[in-house]
């Protein structure tokens, strides 16, 4: 499973980026850099991660660092899948 690709696709869907996420790499900043990623979008994104990857994300697992870059978000998902 290409987790990074699936996370990019989810970002594109949730944030209505019209394919812009295809150009994202692990170092692409997210939170604070993409205007569409506001607090409500973060909630939708977490819900999408839970549904797409079959994981449960507890409130205390999330902080700004999780959404700092595409890489940090992918690493979070990989950690959830491994755990």
C-alpha atoms as a PDB file:
ATOM      1  CA  UNK A   1       0.000   0.000   0.000  1.00  0.00           C
ATOM      2  CA  UNK A   2       1.395   3.391  -0.991  1.00  0.00           C
ATOM      3  CA  UNK A   3       0.446   5.310   2.142  1.00  0.00           C
ATOM      4  CA  UNK A   4       1.927   8.592   0.930  1.00  0.00           C
ATOM      5  CA  UNK A   5      -0.123   8.458  -2.270  1.00  0.00           C
ATOM      6  CA  UNK A   6      -3.312   7.660  -0.340  1.00  0.00           C
ATOM      7  CA  UNK A   7      -2.677  10.535   2.094  1.00  0.00           C
ATOM      8  CA  UNK A   8      -2.101  12.917  -0.840  1.00  0.00           C
ATOM      9  CA  UNK A   9      -5.357  11.745  -2.432  1.00  0.00           C
ATOM     10  CA  UNK A  10      -7.215  12.262   0.841  1.00  0.00           C
ATOM     11  CA  UNK A  11      -5.773  15.771   1.209  1.00  0.00           C
ATOM     12  CA  UNK A  12      -6.897  16.533  -2.327  1.00  0.00           C
ATOM     13  CA  UNK A  13     -10.428  15.289  -1.636  1.00  0.00           C
ATOM     14  CA  UNK A  14     -10.939  16.851   1.805  1.00  0.00           C
ATOM     15  CA  UNK A  15      -9.376  20.204   0.929  1.00  0.00           C
ATOM     16  CA  UNK A  16     -10.729  20.369  -2.656  1.00  0.00           C
ATOM     17  CA  UNK A  17      -7.240  20.985  -4.027  1.00  0.00           C
ATOM     18  CA  UNK A  18      -8.160  19.983  -7.599  1.00  0.00           C
ATOM     19  CA  UNK A  19      -5.119  17.768  -8.053  1.00  0.00           C
ATOM     20  CA  UNK A  20      -2.571  20.142  -6.483  1.00  0.00           C
ATOM     21  CA  UNK A  21      -1.554  17.481  -3.958  1.00  0.00           C
ATOM     22  CA  UNK A  22      -0.002  15.401  -6.751  1.00  0.00           C
ATOM     23  CA  UNK A  23       2.964  17.805  -6.641  1.00  0.00           C
ATOM     24  CA  UNK A  24       3.420  17.462  -2.865  1.00  0.00           C
ATOM     25  CA  UNK A  25       6.483  15.683  -1.506  1.00  0.00           C
ATOM     26  CA  UNK A  26       7.400  14.699   2.059  1.00  0.00           C
ATOM     27  CA  UNK A  27       8.758  18.188   2.796  1.00  0.00           C
ATOM     28  CA  UNK A  28       5.686  20.074   1.568  1.00  0.00           C
ATOM     29  CA  UNK A  29       4.384  22.204   4.448  1.00  0.00           C
ATOM     30  CA  UNK A  30       0.709  21.733   5.249  1.00  0.00           C
ATOM     31  CA  UNK A  31      -0.606  23.447   8.387  1.00  0.00           C
ATOM     32  CA  UNK A  32      -0.199  27.202   8.002  1.00  0.00           C
ATOM     33  CA  UNK A  33       0.911  26.890   4.376  1.00  0.00           C
ATOM     34  CA  UNK A  34      -2.268  25.641   2.706  1.00  0.00           C
ATOM     35  CA  UNK A  35      -5.133  28.103   3.286  1.00  0.00           C
ATOM     36  CA  UNK A  36      -7.712  25.331   2.860  1.00  0.00           C
ATOM     37  CA  UNK A  37      -6.287  23.457   5.866  1.00  0.00           C
ATOM     38  CA  UNK A  38      -8.123  25.243   8.668  1.00  0.00           C
ATOM     39  CA  UNK A  39      -9.335  23.792  11.960  1.00  0.00           C
ATOM     40  CA  UNK A  40     -12.535  22.393  10.459  1.00  0.00           C
ATOM     41  CA  UNK A  41     -10.581  20.782   7.623  1.00  0.00           C
ATOM     42  CA  UNK A  42      -8.256  19.146  10.174  1.00  0.00           C
ATOM     43  CA  UNK A  43     -11.283  17.473  11.777  1.00  0.00           C
ATOM     44  CA  UNK A  44     -12.497  16.274   8.366  1.00  0.00           C
ATOM     45  CA  UNK A  45      -9.016  15.061   7.522  1.00  0.00           C
ATOM     46  CA  UNK A  46      -8.765  13.053  10.747  1.00  0.00           C
ATOM     47  CA  UNK A  47     -12.142  11.472  10.027  1.00  0.00           C
ATOM     48  CA  UNK A  48     -10.960  10.652   6.510  1.00  0.00           C
ATOM     49  CA  UNK A  49      -7.769   9.062   7.830  1.00  0.00           C
ATOM     50  CA  UNK A  50      -9.786   6.926  10.226  1.00  0.00           C
ATOM     51  CA  UNK A  51     -12.131   5.774   7.468  1.00  0.00           C
ATOM     52  CA  UNK A  52      -9.542   5.260   4.733  1.00  0.00           C
ATOM     53  CA  UNK A  53      -6.939   3.480   6.855  1.00  0.00           C
ATOM     54  CA  UNK A  54      -9.187   1.806   9.443  1.00  0.00           C
ATOM     55  CA  UNK A  55      -7.448   3.454  12.405  1.00  0.00           C
ATOM     56  CA  UNK A  56      -8.709   5.297  15.471  1.00  0.00           C
ATOM     57  CA  UNK A  57      -7.137   8.665  16.244  1.00  0.00           C
ATOM     58  CA  UNK A  58      -7.466   9.824  19.834  1.00  0.00           C
ATOM     59  CA  UNK A  59      -7.573  13.557  20.596  1.00  0.00           C
ATOM     60  CA  UNK A  60      -4.380  13.408  22.637  1.00  0.00           C
ATOM     61  CA  UNK A  61      -2.451  11.932  19.684  1.00  0.00           C
ATOM     62  CA  UNK A  62      -2.879  15.026  17.537  1.00  0.00           C
ATOM     63  CA  UNK A  63      -0.882  18.217  17.636  1.00  0.00           C
ATOM     64  CA  UNK A  64       0.320  20.757  15.107  1.00  0.00           C
ATOM     65  CA  UNK A  65       3.468  18.762  14.388  1.00  0.00           C
ATOM     66  CA  UNK A  66       1.367  15.917  12.981  1.00  0.00           C
ATOM     67  CA  UNK A  67       0.132  18.220  10.219  1.00  0.00           C
ATOM     68  CA  UNK A  68       3.367  20.198   9.726  1.00  0.00           C
ATOM     69  CA  UNK A  69       4.342  18.489   6.471  1.00  0.00           C
ATOM     70  CA  UNK A  70       3.111  15.737   4.219  1.00  0.00           C
ATOM     71  CA  UNK A  71       5.929  13.584   5.590  1.00  0.00           C
ATOM     72  CA  UNK A  72       4.923  14.104   9.217  1.00  0.00           C
ATOM     73  CA  UNK A  73       1.328  13.187   8.389  1.00  0.00           C
ATOM     74  CA  UNK A  74       2.406  10.078   6.454  1.00  0.00           C
ATOM     75  CA  UNK A  75       4.680   9.062   9.344  1.00  0.00           C
ATOM     76  CA  UNK A  76       1.750   9.448  11.757  1.00  0.00           C
ATOM     77  CA  UNK A  77      -0.439   7.190   9.611  1.00  0.00           C
ATOM     78  CA  UNK A  78       2.354   4.611   9.260  1.00  0.00           C
ATOM     79  CA  UNK A  79       2.768   4.624  13.035  1.00  0.00           C
ATOM     80  CA  UNK A  80      -0.946   4.079  13.546  1.00  0.00           C
ATOM     81  CA  UNK A  81      -0.964   1.184  11.063  1.00  0.00           C
ATOM     82  CA  UNK A  82       2.087  -0.417  12.692  1.00  0.00           C
ATOM     83  CA  UNK A  83       0.723   0.018  16.204  1.00  0.00           C
END
